[in-house]
PDB file of N, CA and C in Angstrom:
ATOM      1  N   MET A   1       4.915  48.355 -46.815  1.00  0.00           N
ATOM      2  CA  MET A   1       4.384  49.702 -46.786  1.00  0.00           C
ATOM      3  C   MET A   1       5.014  50.503 -47.923  1.00  0.00           C
ATOM      4  N   LYS A   2       4.171  51.156 -48.715  1.00  0.00           N
ATOM      5  CA  LYS A   2       4.650  51.971 -49.829  1.00  0.00           C
ATOM      6  C   LYS A   2       4.560  53.448 -49.429  1.00  0.00           C
ATOM      7  N   ILE A   3       5.718  54.110 -49.410  1.00  0.00           N
ATOM      8  CA  ILE A   3       5.812  55.508 -48.989  1.00  0.00           C
ATOM      9  C   ILE A   3       6.320  56.345 -50.152  1.00  0.00           C
ATOM     10  N   ALA A   4       5.699  57.506 -50.347  1.00  0.00           N
ATOM     11  CA  ALA A   4       6.149  58.431 -51.392  1.00  0.00           C
ATOM     12  C   ALA A   4       6.394  59.799 -50.775  1.00  0.00           C
ATOM     13  N   CYS A   5       7.399  60.476 -51.282  1.00  0.00           N
ATOM     14  CA  CYS A   5       7.698  61.847 -50.874  1.00  0.00           C
ATOM     15  C   CYS A   5       7.441  62.753 -52.069  1.00  0.00           C
ATOM     16  N   LEU A   6       6.543  63.696 -51.909  1.00  0.00           N
ATOM     17  CA  LEU A   6       6.236  64.633 -52.988  1.00  0.00           C
ATOM     18  C   LEU A   6       7.061  65.889 -52.747  1.00  0.00           C
ATOM     19  N   GLN A   7       8.137  66.038 -53.496  1.00  0.00           N
ATOM     20  CA  GLN A   7       9.057  67.157 -53.330  1.00  0.00           C
ATOM     21  C   GLN A   7       9.036  68.009 -54.588  1.00  0.00           C
ATOM     22  N   PHE A   8       8.824  69.291 -54.416  1.00  0.00           N
ATOM     23  CA  PHE A   8       8.905  70.235 -55.523  1.00  0.00           C
ATOM     24  C   PHE A   8       9.342  71.571 -54.947  1.00  0.00           C
ATOM     25  N   SER A   9       9.638  72.515 -55.802  1.00  0.00           N
ATOM     26  CA  SER A   9      10.098  73.827 -55.354  1.00  0.00           C
ATOM     27  C   SER A   9       8.931  74.810 -55.381  1.00  0.00           C
ATOM     28  N   PRO A  10       8.280  75.038 -54.236  1.00  0.00           N
ATOM     29  CA  PRO A  10       7.124  75.931 -54.223  1.00  0.00           C
ATOM     30  C   PRO A  10       7.525  77.386 -54.441  1.00  0.00           C
ATOM     31  N   VAL A  11       6.636  78.130 -55.074  1.00  0.00           N
ATOM     32  CA  VAL A  11       6.838  79.566 -55.253  1.00  0.00           C
ATOM     33  C   VAL A  11       6.342  80.244 -53.977  1.00  0.00           C
ATOM     34  N   LEU A  12       7.179  81.038 -53.373  1.00  0.00           N
ATOM     35  CA  LEU A  12       6.861  81.688 -52.113  1.00  0.00           C
ATOM     36  C   LEU A  12       5.570  82.495 -52.212  1.00  0.00           C
ATOM     37  N   GLY A  13       4.593  82.146 -51.383  1.00  0.00           N
ATOM     38  CA  GLY A  13       3.343  82.884 -51.307  1.00  0.00           C
ATOM     39  C   GLY A  13       2.310  82.564 -52.369  1.00  0.00           C
ATOM     40  N   ASP A  14       2.622  81.683 -53.301  1.00  0.00           N
ATOM     41  CA  ASP A  14       1.688  81.358 -54.392  1.00  0.00           C
ATOM     42  C   ASP A  14       0.998  80.018 -54.106  1.00  0.00           C
ATOM     43  N   VAL A  15       0.155  80.019 -53.100  1.00  0.00           N
ATOM     44  CA  VAL A  15      -0.459  78.791 -52.600  1.00  0.00           C
ATOM     45  C   VAL A  15      -1.253  78.063 -53.682  1.00  0.00           C
ATOM     46  N   ASP A  16      -2.103  78.781 -54.401  1.00  0.00           N
ATOM     47  CA  ASP A  16      -2.942  78.125 -55.420  1.00  0.00           C
ATOM     48  C   ASP A  16      -2.103  77.437 -56.491  1.00  0.00           C
ATOM     49  N   ASN A  17      -1.086  78.125 -56.989  1.00  0.00           N
ATOM     50  CA  ASN A  17      -0.207  77.534 -58.000  1.00  0.00           C
ATOM     51  C   ASN A  17       0.553  76.339 -57.425  1.00  0.00           C
ATOM     52  N   ASN A  18       0.989  76.450 -56.183  1.00  0.00           N
ATOM     53  CA  ASN A  18       1.728  75.352 -55.561  1.00  0.00           C
ATOM     54  C   ASN A  18       0.844  74.119 -55.365  1.00  0.00           C
ATOM     55  N   LEU A  19      -0.420  74.332 -55.026  1.00  0.00           N
ATOM     56  CA  LEU A  19      -1.363  73.213 -54.925  1.00  0.00           C
ATOM     57  C   LEU A  19      -1.536  72.530 -56.284  1.00  0.00           C
ATOM     58  N   THR A  20      -1.673  73.337 -57.323  1.00  0.00           N
ATOM     59  CA  THR A  20      -1.821  72.804 -58.682  1.00  0.00           C
ATOM     60  C   THR A  20      -0.579  72.029 -59.095  1.00  0.00           C
ATOM     61  N   ARG A  21       0.584  72.565 -58.774  1.00  0.00           N
ATOM     62  CA  ARG A  21       1.838  71.889 -59.119  1.00  0.00           C
ATOM     63  C   ARG A  21       1.970  70.564 -58.377  1.00  0.00           C
ATOM     64  N   ALA A  22       1.580  70.536 -57.117  1.00  0.00           N
ATOM     65  CA  ALA A  22       1.643  69.290 -56.348  1.00  0.00           C
ATOM     66  C   ALA A  22       0.726  68.236 -56.963  1.00  0.00           C
ATOM     67  N   ASP A  23      -0.475  68.654 -57.341  1.00  0.00           N
ATOM     68  CA  ASP A  23      -1.401  67.722 -58.002  1.00  0.00           C
ATOM     69  C   ASP A  23      -0.809  67.193 -59.306  1.00  0.00           C
ATOM     70  N   ALA A  24      -0.160  68.071 -60.070  1.00  0.00           N
ATOM     71  CA  ALA A  24       0.434  67.668 -61.351  1.00  0.00           C
ATOM     72  C   ALA A  24       1.580  66.675 -61.146  1.00  0.00           C
ATOM     73  N   VAL A  25       2.427  66.939 -60.167  1.00  0.00           N
ATOM     74  CA  VAL A  25       3.540  66.025 -59.878  1.00  0.00           C
ATOM     75  C   VAL A  25       3.001  64.667 -59.440  1.00  0.00           C
ATOM     76  N   LEU A  26       1.987  64.693 -58.596  1.00  0.00           N
ATOM     77  CA  LEU A  26       1.397  63.446 -58.112  1.00  0.00           C
ATOM     78  C   LEU A  26       0.736  62.665 -59.246  1.00  0.00           C
ATOM     79  N   ALA A  27       0.048  63.359 -60.132  1.00  0.00           N
ATOM     80  CA  ALA A  27      -0.597  62.695 -61.276  1.00  0.00           C
ATOM     81  C   ALA A  27       0.442  62.088 -62.214  1.00  0.00           C
ATOM     82  N   LYS A  28       1.523  62.822 -62.432  1.00  0.00           N
ATOM     83  CA  LYS A  28       2.580  62.337 -63.325  1.00  0.00           C
ATOM     84  C   LYS A  28       3.279  61.103 -62.743  1.00  0.00           C
ATOM     85  N   ALA A  29       3.385  61.048 -61.424  1.00  0.00           N
ATOM     86  CA  ALA A  29       4.053  59.917 -60.770  1.00  0.00           C
ATOM     87  C   ALA A  29       3.240  58.635 -60.895  1.00  0.00           C
ATOM     88  N   ASN A  30       1.931  58.783 -61.086  1.00  0.00           N
ATOM     89  CA  ASN A  30       1.054  57.627 -61.264  1.00  0.00           C
ATOM     90  C   ASN A  30       1.245  56.589 -60.154  1.00  0.00           C
ATOM     91  N   VAL A  31       1.163  57.064 -58.917  1.00  0.00           N
ATOM     92  CA  VAL A  31       1.354  56.165 -57.773  1.00  0.00           C
ATOM     93  C   VAL A  31       0.132  55.271 -57.582  1.00  0.00           C
ATOM     94  N   GLN A  32       0.403  54.041 -57.206  1.00  0.00           N
ATOM     95  CA  GLN A  32      -0.666  53.081 -56.938  1.00  0.00           C
ATOM     96  C   GLN A  32      -0.329  52.327 -55.666  1.00  0.00           C
ATOM     97  N   ASP A  33      -1.362  51.927 -54.943  1.00  0.00           N
ATOM     98  CA  ASP A  33      -1.192  51.176 -53.695  1.00  0.00           C
ATOM     99  C   ASP A  33      -0.306  51.915 -52.695  1.00  0.00           C
ATOM    100  N   LEU A  34      -0.482  53.215 -52.632  1.00  0.00           N
ATOM    101  CA  LEU A  34       0.309  54.055 -51.740  1.00  0.00           C
ATOM    102  C   LEU A  34      -0.263  53.991 -50.330  1.00  0.00           C
ATOM    103  N   ASP A  35       0.613  53.880 -49.336  1.00  0.00           N
ATOM    104  CA  ASP A  35       0.182  53.873 -47.937  1.00  0.00           C
ATOM    105  C   ASP A  35       0.382  55.231 -47.272  1.00  0.00           C
ATOM    106  N   LEU A  36       1.475  55.907 -47.626  1.00  0.00           N
ATOM    107  CA  LEU A  36       1.828  57.165 -46.971  1.00  0.00           C
ATOM    108  C   LEU A  36       2.435  58.128 -47.983  1.00  0.00           C
ATOM    109  N   LEU A  37       1.914  59.342 -48.017  1.00  0.00           N
ATOM    110  CA  LEU A  37       2.448  60.407 -48.868  1.00  0.00           C
ATOM    111  C   LEU A  37       2.937  61.520 -47.956  1.00  0.00           C
ATOM    112  N   VAL A  38       4.200  61.904 -48.096  1.00  0.00           N
ATOM    113  CA  VAL A  38       4.809  62.910 -47.234  1.00  0.00           C
ATOM    114  C   VAL A  38       5.234  64.111 -48.067  1.00  0.00           C
ATOM    115  N   LEU A  39       4.846  65.300 -47.616  1.00  0.00           N
ATOM    116  CA  LEU A  39       5.275  66.555 -48.229  1.00  0.00           C
ATOM    117  C   LEU A  39       6.082  67.326 -47.195  1.00  0.00           C
ATOM    118  N   PRO A  40       6.930  68.245 -47.628  1.00  0.00           N
ATOM    119  CA  PRO A  40       7.738  69.007 -46.672  1.00  0.00           C
ATOM    120  C   PRO A  40       6.916  70.043 -45.907  1.00  0.00           C
ATOM    121  N   GLU A  41       7.542  70.587 -44.867  1.00  0.00           N
ATOM    122  CA  GLU A  41       6.876  71.653 -44.127  1.00  0.00           C
ATOM    123  C   GLU A  41       6.703  72.869 -45.035  1.00  0.00           C
ATOM    124  N   LEU A  42       5.622  73.585 -44.845  1.00  0.00           N
ATOM    125  CA  LEU A  42       5.292  74.775 -45.629  1.00  0.00           C
ATOM    126  C   LEU A  42       5.310  74.490 -47.127  1.00  0.00           C
ATOM    127  N   ALA A  43       4.832  73.312 -47.491  1.00  0.00           N
ATOM    128  CA  ALA A  43       4.879  72.855 -48.882  1.00  0.00           C
ATOM    129  C   ALA A  43       4.124  73.762 -49.842  1.00  0.00           C
ATOM    130  N   PHE A  44       3.038  74.366 -49.399  1.00  0.00           N
ATOM    131  CA  PHE A  44       2.218  75.152 -50.325  1.00  0.00           C
ATOM    132  C   PHE A  44       2.415  76.659 -50.181  1.00  0.00           C
ATOM    133  N   SER A  45       2.813  77.117 -49.011  1.00  0.00           N
ATOM    134  CA  SER A  45       3.039  78.557 -48.822  1.00  0.00           C
ATOM    135  C   SER A  45       4.446  78.969 -49.232  1.00  0.00           C
ATOM    136  N   GLY A  46       5.347  78.016 -49.308  1.00  0.00           N
ATOM    137  CA  GLY A  46       6.751  78.340 -49.502  1.00  0.00           C
ATOM    138  C   GLY A  46       7.407  78.496 -48.137  1.00  0.00           C
ATOM    139  N   TYR A  47       8.724  78.654 -48.114  1.00  0.00           N
ATOM    140  CA  TYR A  47       9.424  78.541 -46.835  1.00  0.00           C
ATOM    141  C   TYR A  47      10.152  79.789 -46.358  1.00  0.00           C
ATOM    142  N   ASN A  48      10.782  80.535 -47.215  1.00  0.00           N
ATOM    143  CA  ASN A  48      11.690  81.592 -46.769  1.00  0.00           C
ATOM    144  C   ASN A  48      11.035  82.963 -46.668  1.00  0.00           C
ATOM    145  N   PHE A  49      10.125  83.113 -45.728  1.00  0.00           N
ATOM    146  CA  PHE A  49       9.506  84.408 -45.487  1.00  0.00           C
ATOM    147  C   PHE A  49      10.483  85.290 -44.720  1.00  0.00           C
ATOM    148  N   LYS A  50      10.452  86.586 -45.004  1.00  0.00           N
ATOM    149  CA  LYS A  50      11.395  87.521 -44.385  1.00  0.00           C
ATOM    150  C   LYS A  50      11.092  87.776 -42.912  1.00  0.00           C
ATOM    151  N   SER A  51       9.811  87.687 -42.538  1.00  0.00           N
ATOM    152  CA  SER A  51       9.432  87.998 -41.163  1.00  0.00           C
ATOM    153  C   SER A  51       8.087  87.358 -40.838  1.00  0.00           C
ATOM    154  N   LEU A  52       7.699  87.470 -39.583  1.00  0.00           N
ATOM    155  CA  LEU A  52       6.385  86.974 -39.173  1.00  0.00           C
ATOM    156  C   LEU A  52       5.271  87.733 -39.878  1.00  0.00           C
ATOM    157  N   GLN A  53       5.482  89.015 -40.145  1.00  0.00           N
ATOM    158  CA  GLN A  53       4.472  89.809 -40.843  1.00  0.00           C
ATOM    159  C   GLN A  53       4.271  89.304 -42.271  1.00  0.00           C
ATOM    160  N   HIS A  54       5.337  88.848 -42.911  1.00  0.00           N
ATOM    161  CA  HIS A  54       5.228  88.359 -44.288  1.00  0.00           C
ATOM    162  C   HIS A  54       4.490  87.019 -44.379  1.00  0.00           C
ATOM    163  N   ILE A  55       4.624  86.191 -43.365  1.00  0.00           N
ATOM    164  CA  ILE A  55       3.955  84.883 -43.400  1.00  0.00           C
ATOM    165  C   ILE A  55       2.516  84.964 -42.884  1.00  0.00           C
ATOM    166  N   SER A  56       2.208  86.021 -42.159  1.00  0.00           N
ATOM    167  CA  SER A  56       0.896  86.160 -41.520  1.00  0.00           C
ATOM    168  C   SER A  56      -0.299  85.920 -42.448  1.00  0.00           C
ATOM    169  N   PRO A  57      -0.307  86.433 -43.697  1.00  0.00           N
ATOM    170  CA  PRO A  57      -1.468  86.186 -44.568  1.00  0.00           C
ATOM    171  C   PRO A  57      -1.657  84.710 -44.949  1.00  0.00           C
ATOM    172  N   TYR A  58      -0.641  83.894 -44.726  1.00  0.00           N
ATOM    173  CA  TYR A  58      -0.697  82.492 -45.141  1.00  0.00           C
ATOM    174  C   TYR A  58      -0.966  81.535 -43.979  1.00  0.00           C
ATOM    175  N   LEU A  59      -1.157  82.073 -42.776  1.00  0.00           N
ATOM    176  CA  LEU A  59      -1.458  81.225 -41.628  1.00  0.00           C
ATOM    177  C   LEU A  59      -2.826  80.582 -41.818  1.00  0.00           C
ATOM    178  N   GLU A  60      -2.912  79.309 -41.511  1.00  0.00           N
ATOM    179  CA  GLU A  60      -4.152  78.553 -41.718  1.00  0.00           C
ATOM    180  C   GLU A  60      -4.724  78.096 -40.382  1.00  0.00           C
ATOM    181  N   PRO A  61      -6.055  78.071 -40.280  1.00  0.00           N
ATOM    182  CA  PRO A  61      -6.658  77.528 -39.061  1.00  0.00           C
ATOM    183  C   PRO A  61      -6.350  76.033 -38.939  1.00  0.00           C
ATOM    184  N   THR A  62      -6.193  75.591 -37.719  1.00  0.00           N
ATOM    185  CA  THR A  62      -5.877  74.190 -37.459  1.00  0.00           C
ATOM    186  C   THR A  62      -6.921  73.269 -38.080  1.00  0.00           C
ATOM    187  N   THR A  63      -6.477  72.367 -38.889  1.00  0.00           N
ATOM    188  CA  THR A  63      -7.256  71.303 -39.555  1.00  0.00           C
ATOM    189  C   THR A  63      -8.351  71.781 -40.509  1.00  0.00           C
ATOM    190  N   SER A  64      -8.465  73.083 -40.757  1.00  0.00           N
ATOM    191  CA  SER A  64      -9.530  73.521 -41.669  1.00  0.00           C
ATOM    192  C   SER A  64      -9.045  74.477 -42.754  1.00  0.00           C
ATOM    193  N   GLY A  65      -7.743  74.594 -42.912  1.00  0.00           N
ATOM    194  CA  GLY A  65      -7.201  75.446 -43.963  1.00  0.00           C
ATOM    195  C   GLY A  65      -7.060  74.695 -45.278  1.00  0.00           C
ATOM    196  N   ILE A  66      -6.544  75.392 -46.274  1.00  0.00           N
ATOM    197  CA  ILE A  66      -6.425  74.829 -47.621  1.00  0.00           C
ATOM    198  C   ILE A  66      -5.474  73.625 -47.655  1.00  0.00           C
ATOM    199  N   SER A  67      -4.409  73.649 -46.862  1.00  0.00           N
ATOM    200  CA  SER A  67      -3.471  72.514 -46.843  1.00  0.00           C
ATOM    201  C   SER A  67      -4.126  71.269 -46.258  1.00  0.00           C
ATOM    202  N   SER A  68      -4.872  71.445 -45.177  1.00  0.00           N
ATOM    203  CA  SER A  68      -5.585  70.312 -44.574  1.00  0.00           C
ATOM    204  C   SER A  68      -6.641  69.761 -45.521  1.00  0.00           C
ATOM    205  N   LEU A  69      -7.350  70.658 -46.186  1.00  0.00           N
ATOM    206  CA  LEU A  69      -8.361  70.227 -47.161  1.00  0.00           C
ATOM    207  C   LEU A  69      -7.707  69.427 -48.285  1.00  0.00           C
ATOM    208  N   TRP A  70      -6.584  69.930 -48.805  1.00  0.00           N
ATOM    209  CA  TRP A  70      -5.873  69.224 -49.872  1.00  0.00           C
ATOM    210  C   TRP A  70      -5.417  67.847 -49.375  1.00  0.00           C
ATOM    211  N   ALA A  71      -4.882  67.803 -48.159  1.00  0.00           N
ATOM    212  CA  ALA A  71      -4.400  66.531 -47.611  1.00  0.00           C
ATOM    213  C   ALA A  71      -5.541  65.525 -47.466  1.00  0.00           C
ATOM    214  N   ARG A  72      -6.685  65.968 -46.944  1.00  0.00           N
ATOM    215  CA  ARG A  72      -7.826  65.055 -46.791  1.00  0.00           C
ATOM    216  C   ARG A  72      -8.340  64.572 -48.145  1.00  0.00           C
ATOM    217  N   THR A  73      -8.465  65.492 -49.091  1.00  0.00           N
ATOM    218  CA  THR A  73      -8.945  65.134 -50.427  1.00  0.00           C
ATOM    219  C   THR A  73      -7.994  64.153 -51.103  1.00  0.00           C
ATOM    220  N   THR A  74      -6.704  64.424 -51.004  1.00  0.00           N
ATOM    221  CA  THR A  74      -5.692  63.561 -51.616  1.00  0.00           C
ATOM    222  C   THR A  74      -5.657  62.196 -50.926  1.00  0.00           C
ATOM    223  N   ALA A  75      -5.804  62.190 -49.612  1.00  0.00           N
ATOM    224  CA  ALA A  75      -5.825  60.923 -48.872  1.00  0.00           C
ATOM    225  C   ALA A  75      -7.000  60.051 -49.309  1.00  0.00           C
ATOM    226  N   LEU A  76      -8.158  60.665 -49.482  1.00  0.00           N
ATOM    227  CA  LEU A  76      -9.327  59.905 -49.940  1.00  0.00           C
ATOM    228  C   LEU A  76      -9.149  59.409 -51.374  1.00  0.00           C
ATOM    229  N   LYS A  77      -8.596  60.267 -52.218  1.00  0.00           N
ATOM    230  CA  LYS A  77      -8.398  59.908 -53.627  1.00  0.00           C
ATOM    231  C   LYS A  77      -7.445  58.728 -53.781  1.00  0.00           C
ATOM    232  N   HIS A  78      -6.385  58.703 -52.969  1.00  0.00           N
ATOM    233  CA  HIS A  78      -5.351  57.673 -53.109  1.00  0.00           C
ATOM    234  C   HIS A  78      -5.420  56.603 -52.014  1.00  0.00           C
ATOM    235  N   ASP A  79      -6.416  56.713 -51.141  1.00  0.00           N
ATOM    236  CA  ASP A  79      -6.586  55.753 -50.053  1.00  0.00           C
ATOM    237  C   ASP A  79      -5.285  55.571 -49.273  1.00  0.00           C
ATOM    238  N   CYS A  80      -4.745  56.694 -48.796  1.00  0.00           N
ATOM    239  CA  CYS A  80      -3.489  56.670 -48.055  1.00  0.00           C
ATOM    240  C   CYS A  80      -3.506  57.764 -46.982  1.00  0.00           C
ATOM    241  N   VAL A  81      -2.485  57.778 -46.175  1.00  0.00           N
ATOM    242  CA  VAL A  81      -2.285  58.837 -45.188  1.00  0.00           C
ATOM    243  C   VAL A  81      -1.418  59.909 -45.841  1.00  0.00           C
ATOM    244  N   VAL A  82      -1.777  61.184 -45.633  1.00  0.00           N
ATOM    245  CA  VAL A  82      -1.014  62.298 -46.198  1.00  0.00           C
ATOM    246  C   VAL A  82      -0.506  63.175 -45.059  1.00  0.00           C
ATOM    247  N   ILE A  83       0.770  63.499 -45.108  1.00  0.00           N
ATOM    248  CA  ILE A  83       1.382  64.389 -44.127  1.00  0.00           C
ATOM    249  C   ILE A  83       1.897  65.615 -44.861  1.00  0.00           C
ATOM    250  N   VAL A  84       1.433  66.796 -44.438  1.00  0.00           N
ATOM    251  CA  VAL A  84       1.898  68.044 -45.045  1.00  0.00           C
ATOM    252  C   VAL A  84       2.018  69.101 -43.956  1.00  0.00           C
ATOM    253  N   GLY A  85       3.102  69.847 -44.004  1.00  0.00           N
ATOM    254  CA  GLY A  85       3.293  70.924 -43.043  1.00  0.00           C
ATOM    255  C   GLY A  85       2.730  72.230 -43.577  1.00  0.00           C
ATOM    256  N   TYR A  86       2.173  73.030 -42.693  1.00  0.00           N
ATOM    257  CA  TYR A  86       1.624  74.325 -43.099  1.00  0.00           C
ATOM    258  C   TYR A  86       1.777  75.317 -41.950  1.00  0.00           C
ATOM    259  N   PRO A  87       1.792  76.607 -42.263  1.00  0.00           N
ATOM    260  CA  PRO A  87       1.879  77.611 -41.202  1.00  0.00           C
ATOM    261  C   PRO A  87       0.524  77.722 -40.501  1.00  0.00           C
ATOM    262  N   GLU A  88       0.512  77.429 -39.233  1.00  0.00           N
ATOM    263  CA  GLU A  88      -0.745  77.310 -38.492  1.00  0.00           C
ATOM    264  C   GLU A  88      -1.036  78.564 -37.674  1.00  0.00           C
ATOM    265  N   LYS A  89      -2.272  79.010 -37.765  1.00  0.00           N
ATOM    266  CA  LYS A  89      -2.727  80.122 -36.935  1.00  0.00           C
ATOM    267  C   LYS A  89      -3.177  79.535 -35.603  1.00  0.00           C
ATOM    268  N   VAL A  90      -2.555  79.997 -34.539  1.00  0.00           N
ATOM    269  CA  VAL A  90      -2.819  79.448 -33.218  1.00  0.00           C
ATOM    270  C   VAL A  90      -3.632  80.442 -32.399  1.00  0.00           C
ATOM    271  N   ASP A  91      -4.640  79.946 -31.725  1.00  0.00           N
ATOM    272  CA  ASP A  91      -5.440  80.771 -30.825  1.00  0.00           C
ATOM    273  C   ASP A  91      -4.644  80.989 -29.544  1.00  0.00           C
ATOM    274  N   ILE A  92      -4.295  82.241 -29.270  1.00  0.00           N
ATOM    275  CA  ILE A  92      -3.491  82.531 -28.083  1.00  0.00           C
ATOM    276  C   ILE A  92      -4.320  83.145 -26.956  1.00  0.00           C
ATOM    277  N   SER A  93      -5.633  83.102 -27.085  1.00  0.00           N
ATOM    278  CA  SER A  93      -6.479  83.636 -26.016  1.00  0.00           C
ATOM    279  C   SER A  93      -6.361  82.745 -24.780  1.00  0.00           C
ATOM    280  N   PRO A  94      -6.507  83.350 -23.600  1.00  0.00           N
ATOM    281  CA  PRO A  94      -6.382  82.557 -22.363  1.00  0.00           C
ATOM    282  C   PRO A  94      -7.419  81.435 -22.303  1.00  0.00           C
ATOM    283  N   LYS A  95      -6.996  80.299 -21.847  1.00  0.00           N
ATOM    284  CA  LYS A  95      -7.890  79.148 -21.725  1.00  0.00           C
ATOM    285  C   LYS A  95      -8.460  79.029 -20.309  1.00  0.00           C
ATOM    286  N   TRP A  96      -7.846  79.728 -19.374  1.00  0.00           N
ATOM    287  CA  TRP A  96      -8.252  79.657 -17.971  1.00  0.00           C
ATOM    288  C   TRP A  96      -8.593  81.060 -17.488  1.00  0.00           C
ATOM    289  N   PRO A  97      -9.396  81.164 -16.453  1.00  0.00           N
ATOM    290  CA  PRO A  97      -9.694  82.491 -15.906  1.00  0.00           C
ATOM    291  C   PRO A  97      -8.412  83.212 -15.501  1.00  0.00           C
ATOM    292  N   ALA A  98      -8.337  84.499 -15.813  1.00  0.00           N
ATOM    293  CA  ALA A  98      -7.146  85.282 -15.505  1.00  0.00           C
ATOM    294  C   ALA A  98      -7.115  85.714 -14.043  1.00  0.00           C
ATOM    295  N   SER A  99      -8.248  85.674 -13.388  1.00  0.00           N
ATOM    296  CA  SER A  99      -8.335  86.139 -12.007  1.00  0.00           C
ATOM    297  C   SER A  99      -8.559  84.957 -11.065  1.00  0.00           C
ATOM    298  N   PRO A 100      -7.876  84.962  -9.911  1.00  0.00           N
ATOM    299  CA  PRO A 100      -8.099  83.876  -8.946  1.00  0.00           C
ATOM    300  C   PRO A 100      -9.464  83.966  -8.258  1.00  0.00           C
ATOM    301  N   ASP A 101     -10.181  85.083  -8.461  1.00  0.00           N
ATOM    302  CA  ASP A 101     -11.490  85.268  -7.831  1.00  0.00           C
ATOM    303  C   ASP A 101     -12.573  84.395  -8.451  1.00  0.00           C
ATOM    304  N   ILE A 102     -12.348  83.890  -9.627  1.00  0.00           N
ATOM    305  CA  ILE A 102     -13.383  83.125 -10.330  1.00  0.00           C
ATOM    306  C   ILE A 102     -13.393  81.693  -9.878  1.00  0.00           C
TER     307      ILE A 102
END
């Protein structure tokens, strides 16, 4: 099994530039026959947000945000599994009736 770790220093909040940088690092590495590509948590949004309010604009919907899209595209391009962490927007609405009368 061939595993690669794509590590770079993301610019906090600069998702588009960080995606471009990740692509550039991956292209420069010229990986072949890769089975698994691993990126760190919050790889594209950056990590050290001051508060929940600061990270809020970068929350992504589960499996349909820019990080998931990049991971799927990269996985298809390199025929491998891609793991990337991202700040996820979670639906906190009740899943069950709030009243016992229902």
